Amino acid sequence: MFGSTKAFSGFAVDDIEAARKFYEGTLGLRVSERNGLLTLHIAGDRDVLVYPKPDHTPATYTILNFPVEDITTAVDELSRRGVVFQRYDSLDTDERGIFHGGGPLIAWFTDPAGNVLSVLQQSA
């Protein structure tokens, strides 16, 4: 039934303008706005809808992953741009916040609304 539709995902934020500044300015994504909603234009023609929700509560899981060729370079550049990487007590992360405990190398950070995002390197 939906095999030929172009599905897209979305998530909420509590401040659309702060989200726009972060996703466009800090992360360097192409962002458009229409009717008070943002669209993140992700590489690979994968748009993501960002909508306002005044009583927004961030999810407790990663909502968006950004694959990168070199995670160390990506983490260092994002850190220079003011991004703070999360550290979780139960996970073995290095001084940059990169998880090395199996699977892809991954580092988590949040957007201004507290939504969890990541950069990940699929091959080491």
PDB file of N, CA and C in Angstrom:
ATOM      1  N   MET A   1       0.807  -1.200   0.000  1.00  0.00           N
ATOM      2  CA  MET A   1       0.000   0.000   0.000  1.00  0.00           C
ATOM      3  C   MET A   1       0.857   1.275   0.000  1.00  0.00           C
ATOM      4  N   PHE A   2       1.930   1.300   0.788  1.00  0.00           N
ATOM      5  CA  PHE A   2       2.770   2.491   0.865  1.00  0.00           C
ATOM      6  C   PHE A   2       4.122   2.288   0.188  1.00  0.00           C
ATOM      7  N   GLY A   3       4.276   1.264  -0.597  1.00  0.00           N
ATOM      8  CA  GLY A   3       5.556   0.944  -1.205  1.00  0.00           C
ATOM      9  C   GLY A   3       6.110   2.008  -2.121  1.00  0.00           C
ATOM     10  N   SER A   4       5.267   2.841  -2.692  1.00  0.00           N
ATOM     11  CA  SER A   4       5.764   3.855  -3.613  1.00  0.00           C
ATOM     12  C   SER A   4       5.625   5.275  -3.066  1.00  0.00           C
ATOM     13  N   THR A   5       5.220   5.419  -1.814  1.00  0.00           N
ATOM     14  CA  THR A   5       5.110   6.766  -1.242  1.00  0.00           C
ATOM     15  C   THR A   5       6.451   7.209  -0.681  1.00  0.00           C
ATOM     16  N   LYS A   6       6.629   8.504  -0.606  1.00  0.00           N
ATOM     17  CA  LYS A   6       7.860   9.047  -0.036  1.00  0.00           C
ATOM     18  C   LYS A   6       7.582   9.405   1.423  1.00  0.00           C
ATOM     19  N   ALA A   7       7.760   8.450   2.306  1.00  0.00           N
ATOM     20  CA  ALA A   7       7.539   8.669   3.737  1.00  0.00           C
ATOM     21  C   ALA A   7       8.642   9.555   4.302  1.00  0.00           C
ATOM     22  N   PHE A   8       8.344  10.215   5.402  1.00  0.00           N
ATOM     23  CA  PHE A   8       9.337  11.029   6.079  1.00  0.00           C
ATOM     24  C   PHE A   8       9.084  10.953   7.573  1.00  0.00           C
ATOM     25  N   SER A   9      10.099  11.276   8.334  1.00  0.00           N
ATOM     26  CA  SER A   9       9.950  11.257   9.784  1.00  0.00           C
ATOM     27  C   SER A   9       9.880  12.687  10.298  1.00  0.00           C
ATOM     28  N   GLY A  10       9.561  12.809  11.565  1.00  0.00           N
ATOM     29  CA  GLY A  10       9.494  14.119  12.172  1.00  0.00           C
ATOM     30  C   GLY A  10       9.694  14.015  13.672  1.00  0.00           C
ATOM     31  N   PHE A  11       9.987  15.143  14.281  1.00  0.00           N
ATOM     32  CA  PHE A  11      10.117  15.193  15.730  1.00  0.00           C
ATOM     33  C   PHE A  11       9.788  16.603  16.211  1.00  0.00           C
ATOM     34  N   ALA A  12       9.520  16.714  17.501  1.00  0.00           N
ATOM     35  CA  ALA A  12       9.107  17.979  18.098  1.00  0.00           C
ATOM     36  C   ALA A  12      10.267  18.710  18.748  1.00  0.00           C
ATOM     37  N   VAL A  13      10.110  20.020  18.822  1.00  0.00           N
ATOM     38  CA  VAL A  13      11.005  20.887  19.581  1.00  0.00           C
ATOM     39  C   VAL A  13      10.137  21.912  20.305  1.00  0.00           C
ATOM     40  N   ASP A  14      10.700  22.545  21.309  1.00  0.00           N
ATOM     41  CA  ASP A  14       9.943  23.563  22.034  1.00  0.00           C
ATOM     42  C   ASP A  14      10.194  24.969  21.520  1.00  0.00           C
ATOM     43  N   ASP A  15      11.163  25.147  20.609  1.00  0.00           N
ATOM     44  CA  ASP A  15      11.500  26.473  20.102  1.00  0.00           C
ATOM     45  C   ASP A  15      11.996  26.330  18.663  1.00  0.00           C
ATOM     46  N   ILE A  16      11.134  26.670  17.717  1.00  0.00           N
ATOM     47  CA  ILE A  16      11.461  26.514  16.295  1.00  0.00           C
ATOM     48  C   ILE A  16      12.664  27.362  15.885  1.00  0.00           C
ATOM     49  N   GLU A  17      12.746  28.597  16.371  1.00  0.00           N
ATOM     50  CA  GLU A  17      13.862  29.462  15.984  1.00  0.00           C
ATOM     51  C   GLU A  17      15.193  28.925  16.497  1.00  0.00           C
ATOM     52  N   ALA A  18      15.221  28.434  17.736  1.00  0.00           N
ATOM     53  CA  ALA A  18      16.447  27.836  18.273  1.00  0.00           C
ATOM     54  C   ALA A  18      16.819  26.593  17.469  1.00  0.00           C
ATOM     55  N   ALA A  19      15.820  25.821  17.081  1.00  0.00           N
ATOM     56  CA  ALA A  19      16.077  24.627  16.264  1.00  0.00           C
ATOM     57  C   ALA A  19      16.662  25.021  14.917  1.00  0.00           C
ATOM     58  N   ARG A  20      16.090  26.047  14.298  1.00  0.00           N
ATOM     59  CA  ARG A  20      16.599  26.494  12.999  1.00  0.00           C
ATOM     60  C   ARG A  20      18.064  26.916  13.113  1.00  0.00           C
ATOM     61  N   LYS A  21      18.384  27.711  14.110  1.00  0.00           N
ATOM     62  CA  LYS A  21      19.765  28.168  14.288  1.00  0.00           C
ATOM     63  C   LYS A  21      20.716  26.994  14.485  1.00  0.00           C
ATOM     64  N   PHE A  22      20.296  26.010  15.258  1.00  0.00           N
ATOM     65  CA  PHE A  22      21.150  24.860  15.530  1.00  0.00           C
ATOM     66  C   PHE A  22      21.337  23.992  14.284  1.00  0.00           C
ATOM     67  N   TYR A  23      20.236  23.580  13.674  1.00  0.00           N
ATOM     68  CA  TYR A  23      20.336  22.657  12.536  1.00  0.00           C
ATOM     69  C   TYR A  23      20.959  23.317  11.310  1.00  0.00           C
ATOM     70  N   GLU A  24      20.653  24.585  11.099  1.00  0.00           N
ATOM     71  CA  GLU A  24      21.206  25.284   9.948  1.00  0.00           C
ATOM     72  C   GLU A  24      22.593  25.848  10.249  1.00  0.00           C
ATOM     73  N   GLY A  25      22.728  26.568  11.346  1.00  0.00           N
ATOM     74  CA  GLY A  25      23.982  27.240  11.664  1.00  0.00           C
ATOM     75  C   GLY A  25      25.043  26.320  12.222  1.00  0.00           C
ATOM     76  N   THR A  26      24.698  25.547  13.238  1.00  0.00           N
ATOM     77  CA  THR A  26      25.692  24.692  13.896  1.00  0.00           C
ATOM     78  C   THR A  26      25.979  23.426  13.099  1.00  0.00           C
ATOM     79  N   LEU A  27      24.922  22.739  12.650  1.00  0.00           N
ATOM     80  CA  LEU A  27      25.136  21.476  11.930  1.00  0.00           C
ATOM     81  C   LEU A  27      25.332  21.669  10.436  1.00  0.00           C
ATOM     82  N   GLY A  28      24.955  22.820   9.904  1.00  0.00           N
ATOM     83  CA  GLY A  28      25.180  23.099   8.481  1.00  0.00           C
ATOM     84  C   GLY A  28      24.205  22.435   7.539  1.00  0.00           C
ATOM     85  N   LEU A  29      23.013  22.082   8.030  1.00  0.00           N
ATOM     86  CA  LEU A  29      22.007  21.479   7.163  1.00  0.00           C
ATOM     87  C   LEU A  29      21.240  22.556   6.404  1.00  0.00           C
ATOM     88  N   ARG A  30      20.730  22.185   5.259  1.00  0.00           N
ATOM     89  CA  ARG A  30      19.806  23.078   4.556  1.00  0.00           C
ATOM     90  C   ARG A  30      18.460  22.939   5.245  1.00  0.00           C
ATOM     91  N   VAL A  31      17.880  24.070   5.636  1.00  0.00           N
ATOM     92  CA  VAL A  31      16.625  24.090   6.383  1.00  0.00           C
ATOM     93  C   VAL A  31      15.663  25.035   5.687  1.00  0.00           C
ATOM     94  N   SER A  32      14.410  24.616   5.565  1.00  0.00           N
ATOM     95  CA  SER A  32      13.387  25.520   5.056  1.00  0.00           C
ATOM     96  C   SER A  32      12.266  25.600   6.084  1.00  0.00           C
ATOM     97  N   GLU A  33      11.487  26.681   5.987  1.00  0.00           N
ATOM     98  CA  GLU A  33      10.393  26.886   6.943  1.00  0.00           C
ATOM     99  C   GLU A  33       9.123  27.203   6.174  1.00  0.00           C
ATOM    100  N   ARG A  34       8.043  26.567   6.597  1.00  0.00           N
ATOM    101  CA  ARG A  34       6.739  26.808   5.978  1.00  0.00           C
ATOM    102  C   ARG A  34       5.663  26.570   7.016  1.00  0.00           C
ATOM    103  N   ASN A  35       4.788  27.526   7.159  1.00  0.00           N
ATOM    104  CA  ASN A  35       3.663  27.419   8.094  1.00  0.00           C
ATOM    105  C   ASN A  35       4.113  27.133   9.522  1.00  0.00           C
ATOM    106  N   GLY A  36       5.246  27.698   9.925  1.00  0.00           N
ATOM    107  CA  GLY A  36       5.725  27.513  11.287  1.00  0.00           C
ATOM    108  C   GLY A  36       6.395  26.176  11.549  1.00  0.00           C
ATOM    109  N   LEU A  37       6.640  25.409  10.486  1.00  0.00           N
ATOM    110  CA  LEU A  37       7.308  24.109  10.587  1.00  0.00           C
ATOM    111  C   LEU A  37       8.634  24.185   9.855  1.00  0.00           C
ATOM    112  N   LEU A  38       9.619  23.465  10.350  1.00  0.00           N
ATOM    113  CA  LEU A  38      10.906  23.378   9.665  1.00  0.00           C
ATOM    114  C   LEU A  38      10.989  22.064   8.902  1.00  0.00           C
ATOM    115  N   THR A  39      11.704  22.088   7.808  1.00  0.00           N
ATOM    116  CA  THR A  39      12.071  20.864   7.116  1.00  0.00           C
ATOM    117  C   THR A  39      13.584  20.834   7.043  1.00  0.00           C
ATOM    118  N   LEU A  40      14.160  19.750   7.564  1.00  0.00           N
ATOM    119  CA  LEU A  40      15.596  19.524   7.447  1.00  0.00           C
ATOM    120  C   LEU A  40      15.806  18.738   6.169  1.00  0.00           C
ATOM    121  N   HIS A  41      16.603  19.261   5.271  1.00  0.00           N
ATOM    122  CA  HIS A  41      16.872  18.593   4.002  1.00  0.00           C
ATOM    123  C   HIS A  41      18.170  17.813   4.165  1.00  0.00           C
ATOM    124  N   ILE A  42      18.025  16.545   4.467  1.00  0.00           N
ATOM    125  CA  ILE A  42      19.143  15.661   4.750  1.00  0.00           C
ATOM    126  C   ILE A  42      19.656  15.065   3.438  1.00  0.00           C
ATOM    127  N   ALA A  43      20.949  14.846   3.347  1.00  0.00           N
ATOM    128  CA  ALA A  43      21.533  14.220   2.159  1.00  0.00           C
ATOM    129  C   ALA A  43      20.811  12.923   1.840  1.00  0.00           C
ATOM    130  N   GLY A  44      20.719  12.594   0.580  1.00  0.00           N
ATOM    131  CA  GLY A  44      20.029  11.380   0.174  1.00  0.00           C
ATOM    132  C   GLY A  44      18.541  11.616  -0.005  1.00  0.00           C
ATOM    133  N   ASP A  45      18.142  12.894  -0.109  1.00  0.00           N
ATOM    134  CA  ASP A  45      16.746  13.253  -0.338  1.00  0.00           C
ATOM    135  C   ASP A  45      15.826  12.724   0.766  1.00  0.00           C
ATOM    136  N   ARG A  46      16.269  12.893   2.011  1.00  0.00           N
ATOM    137  CA  ARG A  46      15.502  12.431   3.162  1.00  0.00           C
ATOM    138  C   ARG A  46      15.131  13.624   4.032  1.00  0.00           C
ATOM    139  N   ASP A  47      13.989  14.199   3.745  1.00  0.00           N
ATOM    140  CA  ASP A  47      13.541  15.338   4.531  1.00  0.00           C
ATOM    141  C   ASP A  47      13.002  14.884   5.879  1.00  0.00           C
ATOM    142  N   VAL A  48      13.221  15.720   6.886  1.00  0.00           N
ATOM    143  CA  VAL A  48      12.737  15.451   8.236  1.00  0.00           C
ATOM    144  C   VAL A  48      11.953  16.682   8.691  1.00  0.00           C
ATOM    145  N   LEU A  49      10.743  16.465   9.170  1.00  0.00           N
ATOM    146  CA  LEU A  49       9.892  17.544   9.641  1.00  0.00           C
ATOM    147  C   LEU A  49      10.193  17.846  11.105  1.00  0.00           C
ATOM    148  N   VAL A  50      10.312  19.126  11.434  1.00  0.00           N
ATOM    149  CA  VAL A  50      10.510  19.564  12.819  1.00  0.00           C
ATOM    150  C   VAL A  50       9.337  20.484  13.146  1.00  0.00           C
ATOM    151  N   TYR A  51       8.593  20.123  14.167  1.00  0.00           N
ATOM    152  CA  TYR A  51       7.386  20.872  14.491  1.00  0.00           C
ATOM    153  C   TYR A  51       7.406  21.357  15.941  1.00  0.00           C
ATOM    154  N   PRO A  52       6.748  22.491  16.196  1.00  0.00           N
ATOM    155  CA  PRO A  52       6.732  23.037  17.554  1.00  0.00           C
ATOM    156  C   PRO A  52       5.753  22.293  18.449  1.00  0.00           C
ATOM    157  N   LYS A  53       6.155  22.103  19.688  1.00  0.00           N
ATOM    158  CA  LYS A  53       5.294  21.490  20.690  1.00  0.00           C
ATOM    159  C   LYS A  53       5.655  22.140  22.018  1.00  0.00           C
ATOM    160  N   PRO A  54       4.842  23.082  22.480  1.00  0.00           N
ATOM    161  CA  PRO A  54       5.184  23.848  23.685  1.00  0.00           C
ATOM    162  C   PRO A  54       5.471  22.987  24.916  1.00  0.00           C
ATOM    163  N   ASP A  55       4.784  21.856  25.065  1.00  0.00           N
ATOM    164  CA  ASP A  55       5.016  20.990  26.226  1.00  0.00           C
ATOM    165  C   ASP A  55       5.949  19.826  25.874  1.00  0.00           C
ATOM    166  N   HIS A  56       6.830  20.075  24.933  1.00  0.00           N
ATOM    167  CA  HIS A  56       7.763  19.065  24.431  1.00  0.00           C
ATOM    168  C   HIS A  56       8.581  18.419  25.562  1.00  0.00           C
ATOM    169  N   THR A  57       8.680  17.117  25.502  1.00  0.00           N
ATOM    170  CA  THR A  57       9.577  16.351  26.367  1.00  0.00           C
ATOM    171  C   THR A  57      10.498  15.574  25.440  1.00  0.00           C
ATOM    172  N   PRO A  58      11.817  15.744  25.566  1.00  0.00           N
ATOM    173  CA  PRO A  58      12.735  15.038  24.668  1.00  0.00           C
ATOM    174  C   PRO A  58      12.606  13.522  24.815  1.00  0.00           C
ATOM    175  N   ALA A  59      12.795  12.839  23.713  1.00  0.00           N
ATOM    176  CA  ALA A  59      12.809  11.376  23.734  1.00  0.00           C
ATOM    177  C   ALA A  59      14.034  10.900  24.509  1.00  0.00           C
ATOM    178  N   THR A  60      13.958   9.702  25.027  1.00  0.00           N
ATOM    179  CA  THR A  60      15.077   9.125  25.782  1.00  0.00           C
ATOM    180  C   THR A  60      15.948   8.245  24.891  1.00  0.00           C
ATOM    181  N   TYR A  61      15.825   8.410  23.601  1.00  0.00           N
ATOM    182  CA  TYR A  61      16.582   7.613  22.634  1.00  0.00           C
ATOM    183  C   TYR A  61      17.067   8.532  21.514  1.00  0.00           C
ATOM    184  N   THR A  62      17.949   8.025  20.680  1.00  0.00           N
ATOM    185  CA  THR A  62      18.497   8.798  19.569  1.00  0.00           C
ATOM    186  C   THR A  62      17.439   8.940  18.477  1.00  0.00           C
ATOM    187  N   ILE A  63      17.143  10.184  18.097  1.00  0.00           N
ATOM    188  CA  ILE A  63      16.114  10.408  17.079  1.00  0.00           C
ATOM    189  C   ILE A  63      16.685  10.595  15.685  1.00  0.00           C
ATOM    190  N   LEU A  64      17.988  10.939  15.592  1.00  0.00           N
ATOM    191  CA  LEU A  64      18.588  11.203  14.294  1.00  0.00           C
ATOM    192  C   LEU A  64      20.075  10.882  14.365  1.00  0.00           C
ATOM    193  N   ASN A  65      20.545  10.089  13.413  1.00  0.00           N
ATOM    194  CA  ASN A  65      21.956   9.684  13.343  1.00  0.00           C
ATOM    195  C   ASN A  65      22.584  10.257  12.079  1.00  0.00           C
ATOM    196  N   PHE A  66      23.786  10.778  12.209  1.00  0.00           N
ATOM    197  CA  PHE A  66      24.519  11.313  11.073  1.00  0.00           C
ATOM    198  C   PHE A  66      25.758  10.462  10.833  1.00  0.00           C
ATOM    199  N   PRO A  67      25.763   9.604   9.806  1.00  0.00           N
ATOM    200  CA  PRO A  67      26.963   8.835   9.494  1.00  0.00           C
ATOM    201  C   PRO A  67      28.084   9.760   9.018  1.00  0.00           C
ATOM    202  N   VAL A  68      29.294   9.488   9.480  1.00  0.00           N
ATOM    203  CA  VAL A  68      30.467  10.279   9.097  1.00  0.00           C
ATOM    204  C   VAL A  68      31.606   9.336   8.721  1.00  0.00           C
ATOM    205  N   GLU A  69      32.523   9.842   7.917  1.00  0.00           N
ATOM    206  CA  GLU A  69      33.691   9.053   7.513  1.00  0.00           C
ATOM    207  C   GLU A  69      34.685   8.917   8.658  1.00  0.00           C
ATOM    208  N   ASP A  70      34.890   9.991   9.413  1.00  0.00           N
ATOM    209  CA  ASP A  70      35.887  10.022  10.478  1.00  0.00           C
ATOM    210  C   ASP A  70      35.252  10.664  11.713  1.00  0.00           C
ATOM    211  N   ILE A  71      34.904   9.857  12.677  1.00  0.00           N
ATOM    212  CA  ILE A  71      34.177  10.356  13.844  1.00  0.00           C
ATOM    213  C   ILE A  71      35.004  11.326  14.681  1.00  0.00           C
ATOM    214  N   THR A  72      36.301  11.098  14.783  1.00  0.00           N
ATOM    215  CA  THR A  72      37.149  11.996  15.564  1.00  0.00           C
ATOM    216  C   THR A  72      37.126  13.402  14.977  1.00  0.00           C
ATOM    217  N   THR A  73      37.262  13.498  13.669  1.00  0.00           N
ATOM    218  CA  THR A  73      37.210  14.795  13.001  1.00  0.00           C
ATOM    219  C   THR A  73      35.844  15.447  13.187  1.00  0.00           C
ATOM    220  N   ALA A  74      34.779  14.675  13.043  1.00  0.00           N
ATOM    221  CA  ALA A  74      33.420  15.206  13.189  1.00  0.00           C
ATOM    222  C   ALA A  74      33.180  15.716  14.610  1.00  0.00           C
ATOM    223  N   VAL A  75      33.580  14.938  15.606  1.00  0.00           N
ATOM    224  CA  VAL A  75      33.397  15.342  17.007  1.00  0.00           C
ATOM    225  C   VAL A  75      34.209  16.590  17.312  1.00  0.00           C
ATOM    226  N   ASP A  76      35.437  16.640  16.843  1.00  0.00           N
ATOM    227  CA  ASP A  76      36.272  17.820  17.085  1.00  0.00           C
ATOM    228  C   ASP A  76      35.662  19.068  16.447  1.00  0.00           C
ATOM    229  N   GLU A  77      35.180  18.952  15.210  1.00  0.00           N
ATOM    230  CA  GLU A  77      34.583  20.100  14.526  1.00  0.00           C
ATOM    231  C   GLU A  77      33.297  20.544  15.216  1.00  0.00           C
ATOM    232  N   LEU A  78      32.449  19.608  15.577  1.00  0.00           N
ATOM    233  CA  LEU A  78      31.207  19.971  16.277  1.00  0.00           C
ATOM    234  C   LEU A  78      31.505  20.595  17.637  1.00  0.00           C
ATOM    235  N   SER A  79      32.506  20.087  18.317  1.00  0.00           N
ATOM    236  CA  SER A  79      32.909  20.675  19.608  1.00  0.00           C
ATOM    237  C   SER A  79      33.347  22.118  19.422  1.00  0.00           C
ATOM    238  N   ARG A  80      34.104  22.390  18.362  1.00  0.00           N
ATOM    239  CA  ARG A  80      34.520  23.766  18.057  1.00  0.00           C
ATOM    240  C   ARG A  80      33.309  24.664  17.807  1.00  0.00           C
ATOM    241  N   ARG A  81      32.232  24.072  17.308  1.00  0.00           N
ATOM    242  CA  ARG A  81      31.009  24.831  17.028  1.00  0.00           C
ATOM    243  C   ARG A  81      30.097  24.948  18.256  1.00  0.00           C
ATOM    244  N   GLY A  82      30.563  24.439  19.392  1.00  0.00           N
ATOM    245  CA  GLY A  82      29.813  24.586  20.625  1.00  0.00           C
ATOM    246  C   GLY A  82      28.971  23.398  21.040  1.00  0.00           C
ATOM    247  N   VAL A  83      29.034  22.316  20.279  1.00  0.00           N
ATOM    248  CA  VAL A  83      28.265  21.120  20.618  1.00  0.00           C
ATOM    249  C   VAL A  83      28.937  20.410  21.790  1.00  0.00           C
ATOM    250  N   VAL A  84      28.142  19.989  22.752  1.00  0.00           N
ATOM    251  CA  VAL A  84      28.642  19.252  23.919  1.00  0.00           C
ATOM    252  C   VAL A  84      28.207  17.804  23.783  1.00  0.00           C
ATOM    253  N   PHE A  85      29.158  16.896  23.867  1.00  0.00           N
ATOM    254  CA  PHE A  85      28.847  15.479  23.709  1.00  0.00           C
ATOM    255  C   PHE A  85      28.461  14.861  25.045  1.00  0.00           C
ATOM    256  N   GLN A  86      27.479  13.972  24.977  1.00  0.00           N
ATOM    257  CA  GLN A  86      26.920  13.335  26.162  1.00  0.00           C
ATOM    258  C   GLN A  86      27.815  12.196  26.635  1.00  0.00           C
ATOM    259  N   ARG A  87      27.837  11.984  27.913  1.00  0.00           N
ATOM    260  CA  ARG A  87      28.545  10.839  28.504  1.00  0.00           C
ATOM    261  C   ARG A  87      27.520  10.073  29.322  1.00  0.00           C
ATOM    262  N   TYR A  88      27.465   8.784  29.124  1.00  0.00           N
ATOM    263  CA  TYR A  88      26.530   7.927  29.846  1.00  0.00           C
ATOM    264  C   TYR A  88      27.331   6.983  30.726  1.00  0.00           C
ATOM    265  N   ASP A  89      26.974   6.907  32.004  1.00  0.00           N
ATOM    266  CA  ASP A  89      27.716   6.089  32.971  1.00  0.00           C
ATOM    267  C   ASP A  89      27.865   4.641  32.536  1.00  0.00           C
ATOM    268  N   SER A  90      26.844   4.106  31.868  1.00  0.00           N
ATOM    269  CA  SER A  90      26.855   2.686  31.523  1.00  0.00           C
ATOM    270  C   SER A  90      27.625   2.376  30.236  1.00  0.00           C
ATOM    271  N   LEU A  91      28.151   3.410  29.559  1.00  0.00           N
ATOM    272  CA  LEU A  91      28.839   3.195  28.291  1.00  0.00           C
ATOM    273  C   LEU A  91      30.293   3.645  28.369  1.00  0.00           C
ATOM    274  N   ASP A  92      31.148   2.872  27.726  1.00  0.00           N
ATOM    275  CA  ASP A  92      32.586   3.142  27.709  1.00  0.00           C
ATOM    276  C   ASP A  92      32.900   4.155  26.607  1.00  0.00           C
ATOM    277  N   THR A  93      33.033   5.422  26.994  1.00  0.00           N
ATOM    278  CA  THR A  93      33.374   6.454  26.022  1.00  0.00           C
ATOM    279  C   THR A  93      34.760   7.015  26.321  1.00  0.00           C
ATOM    280  N   ASP A  94      35.399   7.520  25.280  1.00  0.00           N
ATOM    281  CA  ASP A  94      36.712   8.131  25.473  1.00  0.00           C
ATOM    282  C   ASP A  94      36.555   9.580  25.917  1.00  0.00           C
ATOM    283  N   GLU A  95      37.666  10.312  25.962  1.00  0.00           N
ATOM    284  CA  GLU A  95      37.632  11.690  26.456  1.00  0.00           C
ATOM    285  C   GLU A  95      36.814  12.624  25.571  1.00  0.00           C
ATOM    286  N   ARG A  96      36.593  12.248  24.320  1.00  0.00           N
ATOM    287  CA  ARG A  96      35.767  13.053  23.417  1.00  0.00           C
ATOM    288  C   ARG A  96      34.282  12.713  23.538  1.00  0.00           C
ATOM    289  N   GLY A  97      33.973  11.588  24.178  1.00  0.00           N
ATOM    290  CA  GLY A  97      32.590  11.125  24.267  1.00  0.00           C
ATOM    291  C   GLY A  97      32.243  10.084  23.221  1.00  0.00           C
ATOM    292  N   ILE A  98      33.255   9.514  22.584  1.00  0.00           N
ATOM    293  CA  ILE A  98      33.030   8.508  21.546  1.00  0.00           C
ATOM    294  C   ILE A  98      32.957   7.121  22.183  1.00  0.00           C
ATOM    295  N   PHE A  99      31.897   6.397  21.872  1.00  0.00           N
ATOM    296  CA  PHE A  99      31.670   5.049  22.393  1.00  0.00           C
ATOM    297  C   PHE A  99      32.462   4.045  21.567  1.00  0.00           C
ATOM    298  N   HIS A 100      33.233   3.188  22.271  1.00  0.00           N
ATOM    299  CA  HIS A 100      34.077   2.178  21.630  1.00  0.00           C
ATOM    300  C   HIS A 100      33.710   0.771  22.083  1.00  0.00           C
ATOM    301  N   GLY A 101      32.489   0.559  22.499  1.00  0.00           N
ATOM    302  CA  GLY A 101      32.123  -0.710  23.124  1.00  0.00           C
ATOM    303  C   GLY A 101      31.548  -1.769  22.214  1.00  0.00           C
ATOM    304  N   GLY A 102      31.746  -1.678  20.935  1.00  0.00           N
ATOM    305  CA  GLY A 102      31.204  -2.659  19.999  1.00  0.00           C
ATOM    306  C   GLY A 102      30.228  -1.990  19.052  1.00  0.00           C
ATOM    307  N   GLY A 103      30.170  -2.490  17.830  1.00  0.00           N
ATOM    308  CA  GLY A 103      29.332  -1.855  16.820  1.00  0.00           C
ATOM    309  C   GLY A 103      30.028  -0.616  16.285  1.00  0.00           C
ATOM    310  N   PRO A 104      29.261   0.270  15.652  1.00  0.00           N
ATOM    311  CA  PRO A 104      29.909   1.460  15.099  1.00  0.00           C
ATOM    312  C   PRO A 104      30.423   2.378  16.196  1.00  0.00           C
ATOM    313  N   LEU A 105      31.454   3.146  15.886  1.00  0.00           N
ATOM    314  CA  LEU A 105      31.902   4.200  16.789  1.00  0.00           C
ATOM    315  C   LEU A 105      30.816   5.263  16.769  1.00  0.00           C
ATOM    316  N   ILE A 106      30.394   5.732  17.934  1.00  0.00           N
ATOM    317  CA  ILE A 106      29.262   6.650  17.995  1.00  0.00           C
ATOM    318  C   ILE A 106      29.448   7.650  19.125  1.00  0.00           C
ATOM    319  N   ALA A 107      28.973   8.865  18.899  1.00  0.00           N
ATOM    320  CA  ALA A 107      29.012   9.912  19.933  1.00  0.00           C
ATOM    321  C   ALA A 107      27.670  10.635  19.895  1.00  0.00           C
ATOM    322  N   TRP A 108      27.108  10.856  21.077  1.00  0.00           N
ATOM    323  CA  TRP A 108      25.781  11.454  21.191  1.00  0.00           C
ATOM    324  C   TRP A 108      25.859  12.897  21.650  1.00  0.00           C
ATOM    325  N   PHE A 109      24.920  13.708  21.172  1.00  0.00           N
ATOM    326  CA  PHE A 109      24.781  15.096  21.582  1.00  0.00           C
ATOM    327  C   PHE A 109      23.300  15.459  21.495  1.00  0.00           C
ATOM    328  N   THR A 110      22.945  16.625  21.998  1.00  0.00           N
ATOM    329  CA  THR A 110      21.538  17.020  21.972  1.00  0.00           C
ATOM    330  C   THR A 110      21.351  18.322  21.211  1.00  0.00           C
ATOM    331  N   ASP A 111      20.139  18.499  20.699  1.00  0.00           N
ATOM    332  CA  ASP A 111      19.773  19.778  20.097  1.00  0.00           C
ATOM    333  C   ASP A 111      19.266  20.701  21.203  1.00  0.00           C
ATOM    334  N   PRO A 112      18.923  21.948  20.904  1.00  0.00           N
ATOM    335  CA  PRO A 112      18.486  22.866  21.960  1.00  0.00           C
ATOM    336  C   PRO A 112      17.243  22.406  22.724  1.00  0.00           C
ATOM    337  N   ALA A 113      16.437  21.528  22.130  1.00  0.00           N
ATOM    338  CA  ALA A 113      15.230  21.019  22.792  1.00  0.00           C
ATOM    339  C   ALA A 113      15.515  19.775  23.628  1.00  0.00           C
ATOM    340  N   GLY A 114      16.770  19.304  23.622  1.00  0.00           N
ATOM    341  CA  GLY A 114      17.139  18.123  24.393  1.00  0.00           C
ATOM    342  C   GLY A 114      16.989  16.814  23.643  1.00  0.00           C
ATOM    343  N   ASN A 115      16.641  16.871  22.354  1.00  0.00           N
ATOM    344  CA  ASN A 115      16.539  15.659  21.540  1.00  0.00           C
ATOM    345  C   ASN A 115      17.935  15.084  21.315  1.00  0.00           C
ATOM    346  N   VAL A 116      18.057  13.770  21.428  1.00  0.00           N
ATOM    347  CA  VAL A 116      19.355  13.118  21.284  1.00  0.00           C
ATOM    348  C   VAL A 116      19.649  12.817  19.819  1.00  0.00           C
ATOM    349  N   LEU A 117      20.836  13.230  19.384  1.00  0.00           N
ATOM    350  CA  LEU A 117      21.337  13.000  18.034  1.00  0.00           C
ATOM    351  C   LEU A 117      22.669  12.292  18.143  1.00  0.00           C
ATOM    352  N   SER A 118      23.170  11.764  17.035  1.00  0.00           N
ATOM    353  CA  SER A 118      24.496  11.154  17.088  1.00  0.00           C
ATOM    354  C   SER A 118      25.236  11.355  15.786  1.00  0.00           C
ATOM    355  N   VAL A 119      26.558  11.237  15.897  1.00  0.00           N
ATOM    356  CA  VAL A 119      27.407  11.020  14.734  1.00  0.00           C
ATOM    357  C   VAL A 119      27.961   9.615  14.907  1.00  0.00           C
ATOM    358  N   LEU A 120      28.038   8.887  13.812  1.00  0.00           N
ATOM    359  CA  LEU A 120      28.563   7.523  13.921  1.00  0.00           C
ATOM    360  C   LEU A 120      29.396   7.172  12.706  1.00  0.00           C
ATOM    361  N   GLN A 121      30.427   6.408  12.981  1.00  0.00           N
ATOM    362  CA  GLN A 121      31.343   5.915  11.952  1.00  0.00           C
ATOM    363  C   GLN A 121      31.103   4.436  11.834  1.00  0.00           C
ATOM    364  N   GLN A 122      30.574   4.006  10.707  1.00  0.00           N
ATOM    365  CA  GLN A 122      30.164   2.610  10.564  1.00  0.00           C
ATOM    366  C   GLN A 122      31.306   1.641  10.377  1.00  0.00           C
ATOM    367  N   SER A 123      32.461   2.110   9.894  1.00  0.00           N
ATOM    368  CA  SER A 123      33.617   1.237   9.771  1.00  0.00           C
ATOM    369  C   SER A 123      34.814   1.902  10.446  1.00  0.00           C
ATOM    370  N   ALA A 124      35.574   1.111  11.179  1.00  0.00           N
ATOM    371  CA  ALA A 124      36.687   1.676  11.960  1.00  0.00           C
ATOM    372  C   ALA A 124      37.957   1.718  11.221  1.00  0.00           C
TER     373      ALA A 124
END
